[in-house]
C-alpha atoms as a PDB file:
ATOM      1  CA  MET A   1      -4.469 -49.411 -24.061  1.00  0.00           C
ATOM      2  CA  ASN A   2      -5.362 -47.292 -21.026  1.00  0.00           C
ATOM      3  CA  HIS A   3      -3.744 -44.220 -22.610  1.00  0.00           C
ATOM      4  CA  ILE A   4      -6.066 -44.501 -25.626  1.00  0.00           C
ATOM      5  CA  LEU A   5      -9.130 -44.593 -23.378  1.00  0.00           C
ATOM      6  CA  SER A   6      -7.731 -41.759 -21.294  1.00  0.00           C
ATOM      7  CA  ASP A   7      -7.119 -39.641 -24.417  1.00  0.00           C
ATOM      8  CA  PHE A   8     -10.630 -40.381 -25.678  1.00  0.00           C
ATOM      9  CA  LEU A   9     -12.224 -39.397 -22.371  1.00  0.00           C
ATOM     10  CA  SER A  10     -10.125 -36.253 -22.161  1.00  0.00           C
ATOM     11  CA  ASP A  11     -11.040 -35.206 -25.713  1.00  0.00           C
ATOM     12  CA  THR A  12     -14.713 -35.999 -25.095  1.00  0.00           C
ATOM     13  CA  CYS A  13     -14.800 -34.034 -21.845  1.00  0.00           C
ATOM     14  CA  ASN A  14     -13.099 -31.071 -23.531  1.00  0.00           C
ATOM     15  CA  SER A  15     -15.608 -31.153 -26.392  1.00  0.00           C
ATOM     16  CA  LEU A  16     -18.565 -31.358 -24.014  1.00  0.00           C
ATOM     17  CA  GLU A  17     -17.181 -28.544 -21.858  1.00  0.00           C
ATOM     18  CA  ASN A  18     -16.782 -26.440 -25.010  1.00  0.00           C
ATOM     19  CA  LEU A  19     -20.399 -27.226 -25.906  1.00  0.00           C
ATOM     20  CA  ARG A  20     -21.578 -26.273 -22.411  1.00  0.00           C
ATOM     21  CA  ARG A  21     -19.740 -22.935 -22.577  1.00  0.00           C
ATOM     22  CA  ASN A  22     -20.593 -22.028 -26.165  1.00  0.00           C
ATOM     23  CA  ASN A  23     -23.884 -23.844 -26.771  1.00  0.00           C
ATOM     24  CA  VAL A  24     -24.615 -24.918 -30.354  1.00  0.00           C
ATOM     25  CA  TYR A  25     -22.981 -23.102 -33.224  1.00  0.00           C
ATOM     26  CA  LYS A  26     -26.133 -22.660 -35.289  1.00  0.00           C
ATOM     27  CA  GLU A  27     -29.808 -23.676 -35.257  1.00  0.00           C
ATOM     28  CA  PHE A  28     -31.784 -24.338 -38.416  1.00  0.00           C
ATOM     29  CA  TYR A  29     -35.325 -25.400 -39.235  1.00  0.00           C
ATOM     30  CA  TYR A  30     -37.402 -25.793 -42.372  1.00  0.00           C
ATOM     31  CA  HIS A  31     -41.047 -26.780 -42.843  1.00  0.00           C
ATOM     32  CA  ILE A  32     -41.725 -29.416 -45.538  1.00  0.00           C
ATOM     33  CA  LYS A  33     -45.140 -30.116 -47.044  1.00  0.00           C
ATOM     34  CA  CYS A  34     -44.543 -33.500 -48.624  1.00  0.00           C
ATOM     35  CA  GLU A  35     -47.497 -33.100 -50.998  1.00  0.00           C
ATOM     36  CA  ASN A  36     -45.487 -30.332 -52.731  1.00  0.00           C
ATOM     37  CA  LEU A  37     -42.424 -32.502 -53.327  1.00  0.00           C
ATOM     38  CA  GLU A  38     -41.742 -32.930 -57.032  1.00  0.00           C
ATOM     39  CA  ASP A  39     -39.762 -35.559 -58.890  1.00  0.00           C
ATOM     40  CA  PHE A  40     -36.125 -34.488 -58.708  1.00  0.00           C
ATOM     41  CA  LEU A  41     -34.616 -37.871 -59.477  1.00  0.00           C
ATOM     42  CA  SER A  42     -33.567 -36.720 -62.942  1.00  0.00           C
ATOM     43  CA  LYS A  43     -33.180 -33.016 -62.116  1.00  0.00           C
ATOM     44  CA  ASP A  44     -30.849 -31.219 -59.721  1.00  0.00           C
ATOM     45  CA  ILE A  45     -32.957 -30.170 -56.731  1.00  0.00           C
ATOM     46  CA  THR A  46     -30.231 -27.763 -55.588  1.00  0.00           C
ATOM     47  CA  GLN A  47     -30.872 -25.670 -58.703  1.00  0.00           C
ATOM     48  CA  SER A  48     -34.676 -25.795 -58.604  1.00  0.00           C
ATOM     49  CA  VAL A  49     -36.604 -22.562 -58.100  1.00  0.00           C
ATOM     50  CA  GLN A  50     -38.560 -24.152 -55.250  1.00  0.00           C
ATOM     51  CA  TYR A  51     -35.562 -25.436 -53.250  1.00  0.00           C
ATOM     52  CA  GLN A  52     -32.562 -23.404 -54.409  1.00  0.00           C
ATOM     53  CA  ASN A  53     -32.596 -21.105 -51.361  1.00  0.00           C
ATOM     54  CA  LEU A  54     -33.012 -24.023 -48.975  1.00  0.00           C
ATOM     55  CA  PHE A  55     -30.000 -25.844 -50.377  1.00  0.00           C
ATOM     56  CA  GLN A  56     -27.910 -22.670 -50.453  1.00  0.00           C
ATOM     57  CA  ASP A  57     -28.627 -22.334 -46.727  1.00  0.00           C
ATOM     58  CA  LEU A  58     -27.948 -26.023 -46.100  1.00  0.00           C
ATOM     59  CA  MET A  59     -24.614 -25.865 -47.926  1.00  0.00           C
ATOM     60  CA  GLN A  60     -23.477 -23.190 -45.463  1.00  0.00           C
ATOM     61  CA  ILE A  61     -23.847 -25.678 -42.610  1.00  0.00           C
ATOM     62  CA  LYS A  62     -20.466 -27.353 -42.328  1.00  0.00           C
ATOM     63  CA  GLY A  63     -21.208 -29.754 -39.487  1.00  0.00           C
ATOM     64  CA  PRO A  64     -21.277 -31.795 -37.481  1.00  0.00           C
ATOM     65  CA  VAL A  65     -25.066 -31.701 -37.237  1.00  0.00           C
ATOM     66  CA  LEU A  66     -27.732 -33.314 -35.102  1.00  0.00           C
ATOM     67  CA  TYR A  67     -31.141 -33.207 -36.781  1.00  0.00           C
ATOM     68  CA  TRP A  68     -34.658 -34.508 -36.380  1.00  0.00           C
ATOM     69  CA  TYR A  69     -37.844 -34.549 -38.418  1.00  0.00           C
ATOM     70  CA  GLU A  70     -40.840 -33.448 -36.391  1.00  0.00           C
ATOM     71  CA  ILE A  71     -44.352 -34.367 -37.564  1.00  0.00           C
ATOM     72  CA  THR A  72     -46.427 -31.174 -37.839  1.00  0.00           C
ATOM     73  CA  SER A  73     -49.501 -32.475 -39.668  1.00  0.00           C
ATOM     74  CA  SER A  74     -52.413 -34.128 -37.884  1.00  0.00           C
ATOM     75  CA  HIS A  75     -51.656 -37.656 -39.091  1.00  0.00           C
ATOM     76  CA  SER A  76     -51.719 -40.413 -36.522  1.00  0.00           C
ATOM     77  CA  ASN A  77     -48.505 -42.315 -35.984  1.00  0.00           C
ATOM     78  CA  ASN A  78     -50.358 -45.480 -36.995  1.00  0.00           C
ATOM     79  CA  ASP A  79     -51.192 -43.904 -40.398  1.00  0.00           C
ATOM     80  CA  ILE A  80     -47.579 -42.845 -40.884  1.00  0.00           C
ATOM     81  CA  ILE A  81     -46.229 -46.277 -39.972  1.00  0.00           C
ATOM     82  CA  ARG A  82     -48.803 -47.982 -42.213  1.00  0.00           C
ATOM     83  CA  ALA A  83     -47.790 -45.819 -45.208  1.00  0.00           C
ATOM     84  CA  LEU A  84     -44.101 -46.412 -44.583  1.00  0.00           C
ATOM     85  CA  LYS A  85     -44.614 -50.184 -44.217  1.00  0.00           C
ATOM     86  CA  GLU A  86     -46.517 -50.286 -47.499  1.00  0.00           C
ATOM     87  CA  TYR A  87     -43.654 -48.474 -49.181  1.00  0.00           C
ATOM     88  CA  LYS A  88     -41.060 -50.770 -47.567  1.00  0.00           C
ATOM     89  CA  GLN A  89     -42.841 -53.812 -49.054  1.00  0.00           C
ATOM     90  CA  LYS A  90     -42.105 -52.436 -52.538  1.00  0.00           C
ATOM     91  CA  ARG A  91     -38.387 -52.415 -51.645  1.00  0.00           C
ATOM     92  CA  GLN A  92     -37.521 -49.632 -54.075  1.00  0.00           C
ATOM     93  CA  ARG A  93     -35.381 -47.527 -51.728  1.00  0.00           C
ATOM     94  CA  VAL A  94     -33.922 -48.209 -48.307  1.00  0.00           C
ATOM     95  CA  THR A  95     -35.760 -46.623 -45.376  1.00  0.00           C
ATOM     96  CA  PRO A  96     -34.992 -46.629 -41.640  1.00  0.00           C
ATOM     97  CA  VAL A  97     -36.049 -49.393 -39.274  1.00  0.00           C
ATOM     98  CA  ILE A  98     -39.567 -49.085 -37.882  1.00  0.00           C
ATOM     99  CA  TYR A  99     -39.745 -49.611 -34.131  1.00  0.00           C
ATOM    100  CA  LYS A 100     -42.090 -52.464 -33.212  1.00  0.00           C
ATOM    101  CA  ASN A 101     -43.145 -50.816 -29.970  1.00  0.00           C
ATOM    102  CA  TYR A 102     -43.032 -47.206 -31.079  1.00  0.00           C
ATOM    103  CA  ASN A 103     -44.337 -44.444 -28.847  1.00  0.00           C
ATOM    104  CA  ARG A 104     -47.771 -43.666 -30.232  1.00  0.00           C
ATOM    105  CA  ARG A 105     -47.674 -40.174 -28.722  1.00  0.00           C
ATOM    106  CA  THR A 106     -44.340 -39.037 -30.148  1.00  0.00           C
ATOM    107  CA  ASN A 107     -44.329 -36.353 -32.825  1.00  0.00           C
ATOM    108  CA  ILE A 108     -40.765 -37.142 -33.907  1.00  0.00           C
ATOM    109  CA  LEU A 109     -40.372 -39.141 -37.092  1.00  0.00           C
ATOM    110  CA  TYR A 110     -36.583 -39.545 -37.139  1.00  0.00           C
ATOM    111  CA  VAL A 111     -33.404 -38.449 -35.338  1.00  0.00           C
ATOM    112  CA  GLY A 112     -30.056 -38.437 -37.115  1.00  0.00           C
ATOM    113  CA  LYS A 113     -26.574 -36.991 -37.209  1.00  0.00           C
ATOM    114  CA  CYS A 114     -23.937 -36.320 -39.798  1.00  0.00           C
ATOM    115  CA  LYS A 115     -20.348 -35.167 -39.599  1.00  0.00           C
ATOM    116  CA  GLU A 116     -20.457 -32.979 -42.719  1.00  0.00           C
ATOM    117  CA  ASN A 117     -22.359 -32.306 -45.957  1.00  0.00           C
ATOM    118  CA  PHE A 118     -25.688 -31.986 -44.195  1.00  0.00           C
ATOM    119  CA  TRP A 119     -27.328 -30.847 -47.439  1.00  0.00           C
ATOM    120  CA  GLY A 120     -26.587 -34.248 -48.987  1.00  0.00           C
ATOM    121  CA  ARG A 121     -28.200 -36.027 -46.070  1.00  0.00           C
ATOM    122  CA  VAL A 122     -31.328 -33.884 -46.441  1.00  0.00           C
ATOM    123  CA  MET A 123     -31.419 -34.808 -50.136  1.00  0.00           C
ATOM    124  CA  GLN A 124     -31.339 -38.492 -49.149  1.00  0.00           C
ATOM    125  CA  HIS A 125     -34.195 -38.048 -46.695  1.00  0.00           C
ATOM    126  CA  LEU A 126     -36.273 -36.190 -49.262  1.00  0.00           C
ATOM    127  CA  GLY A 127     -35.765 -39.207 -51.543  1.00  0.00           C
ATOM    128  CA  TYR A 128     -33.679 -37.638 -54.310  1.00  0.00           C
ATOM    129  CA  TYR A 129     -30.326 -39.326 -53.853  1.00  0.00           C
ATOM    130  CA  LYS A 130     -29.316 -41.148 -57.046  1.00  0.00           C
ATOM    131  CA  THR A 131     -28.351 -44.381 -55.271  1.00  0.00           C
ATOM    132  CA  PRO A 132     -31.520 -46.106 -53.970  1.00  0.00           C
ATOM    133  CA  THR A 133     -29.556 -48.303 -51.544  1.00  0.00           C
ATOM    134  CA  THR A 134     -28.534 -45.290 -49.432  1.00  0.00           C
ATOM    135  CA  GLN A 135     -30.823 -45.218 -46.413  1.00  0.00           C
ATOM    136  CA  GLY A 136     -33.041 -42.216 -45.844  1.00  0.00           C
ATOM    137  CA  LEU A 137     -36.636 -41.330 -45.061  1.00  0.00           C
ATOM    138  CA  GLN A 138     -37.413 -41.172 -48.825  1.00  0.00           C
ATOM    139  CA  LEU A 139     -40.244 -38.710 -48.153  1.00  0.00           C
ATOM    140  CA  PHE A 140     -41.012 -38.068 -51.824  1.00  0.00           C
ATOM    141  CA  HIS A 141     -41.710 -41.750 -52.384  1.00  0.00           C
ATOM    142  CA  TRP A 142     -44.259 -42.420 -49.641  1.00  0.00           C
ATOM    143  CA  ALA A 143     -45.121 -39.249 -47.683  1.00  0.00           C
ATOM    144  CA  LYS A 144     -46.190 -37.184 -50.692  1.00  0.00           C
ATOM    145  CA  GLU A 145     -49.373 -39.197 -51.218  1.00  0.00           C
ATOM    146  CA  LEU A 146     -50.023 -39.174 -47.474  1.00  0.00           C
ATOM    147  CA  ARG A 147     -49.671 -35.358 -47.513  1.00  0.00           C
ATOM    148  CA  LEU A 148     -47.435 -35.551 -44.477  1.00  0.00           C
ATOM    149  CA  GLU A 149     -45.988 -32.316 -43.120  1.00  0.00           C
ATOM    150  CA  VAL A 150     -42.738 -32.264 -41.181  1.00  0.00           C
ATOM    151  CA  ARG A 151     -40.342 -29.751 -39.770  1.00  0.00           C
ATOM    152  CA  LEU A 152     -36.651 -30.398 -40.230  1.00  0.00           C
ATOM    153  CA  ASN A 153     -34.793 -29.193 -37.126  1.00  0.00           C
ATOM    154  CA  ALA A 154     -30.998 -29.082 -37.040  1.00  0.00           C
ATOM    155  CA  LEU A 155     -28.278 -28.090 -34.612  1.00  0.00           C
ATOM    156  CA  GLU A 156     -24.784 -27.438 -35.934  1.00  0.00           C
ATOM    157  CA  PHE A 157     -21.946 -28.061 -33.486  1.00  0.00           C
ATOM    158  CA  ALA A 158     -18.308 -27.027 -33.388  1.00  0.00           C
ATOM    159  CA  SER A 159     -16.063 -29.214 -35.534  1.00  0.00           C
ATOM    160  CA  ASP A 160     -14.405 -30.807 -32.481  1.00  0.00           C
ATOM    161  CA  MET A 161     -17.722 -32.546 -31.728  1.00  0.00           C
ATOM    162  CA  LYS A 162     -17.550 -34.853 -34.785  1.00  0.00           C
ATOM    163  CA  ASP A 163     -16.360 -37.918 -32.940  1.00  0.00           C
ATOM    164  CA  ILE A 164     -18.938 -37.770 -30.161  1.00  0.00           C
ATOM    165  CA  MET A 165     -21.972 -37.138 -32.373  1.00  0.00           C
ATOM    166  CA  PRO A 166     -23.114 -40.776 -32.017  1.00  0.00           C
ATOM    167  CA  VAL A 167     -23.381 -40.254 -28.243  1.00  0.00           C
ATOM    168  CA  ILE A 168     -25.336 -37.019 -28.695  1.00  0.00           C
ATOM    169  CA  GLU A 169     -27.615 -38.654 -31.286  1.00  0.00           C
ATOM    170  CA  LEU A 170     -28.318 -41.574 -28.957  1.00  0.00           C
ATOM    171  CA  PHE A 171     -29.170 -39.229 -26.084  1.00  0.00           C
ATOM    172  CA  PHE A 172     -31.561 -37.180 -28.242  1.00  0.00           C
ATOM    173  CA  ALA A 173     -33.161 -40.311 -29.711  1.00  0.00           C
ATOM    174  CA  LYS A 174     -33.847 -41.687 -26.240  1.00  0.00           C
ATOM    175  CA  GLN A 175     -35.404 -38.377 -25.207  1.00  0.00           C
ATOM    176  CA  LEU A 176     -37.407 -37.739 -28.403  1.00  0.00           C
ATOM    177  CA  GLN A 177     -38.413 -41.383 -29.097  1.00  0.00           C
ATOM    178  CA  PRO A 178     -38.661 -41.219 -32.912  1.00  0.00           C
ATOM    179  CA  LEU A 179     -40.943 -43.536 -34.854  1.00  0.00           C
ATOM    180  CA  VAL A 180     -38.166 -44.839 -37.093  1.00  0.00           C
ATOM    181  CA  GLY A 181     -34.394 -45.294 -37.063  1.00  0.00           C
ATOM    182  CA  ARG A 182     -31.996 -47.554 -35.226  1.00  0.00           C
ATOM    183  CA  HIS A 183     -30.728 -46.109 -31.943  1.00  0.00           C
ATOM    184  CA  THR A 184     -29.277 -48.697 -29.625  1.00  0.00           C
END
């Protein structure tokens, strides 16, 4: 059993050393005005005039990716949490856990990671994934009416980082203190 742990630690150290030497592979950001989100539940958002370029860019990101949604509008965190709680009571789509003792000064809504297909994860967070039981921010469904504005920030890492993305996500979540999401 010790050789498995030793191999894991060796691989992790090599990946982190590679990250230290080469930094992140690619940085990406995109500003989202939720009030402009349209209903793409029955249409393909990747082919829409409004979002076609965004999804073409997102499909070029191979992963793994660490990402976070930063609140850029002047809404209070209490207003955001209230709107999300009201939506959660309807139980239409699955949203992330709301922290009971959230940092009222944070401007980070959510921190996440994915190993690949980042564009699909963004679609889930926008609220357009066909399966409502797949967790995501579901911005179209509750943040549109609130007129929330967020900035999607993403860092793409080298492919050898896939297995340690949970560690990186946890570190970033502890530093950024998002309003929602489970990071323990």
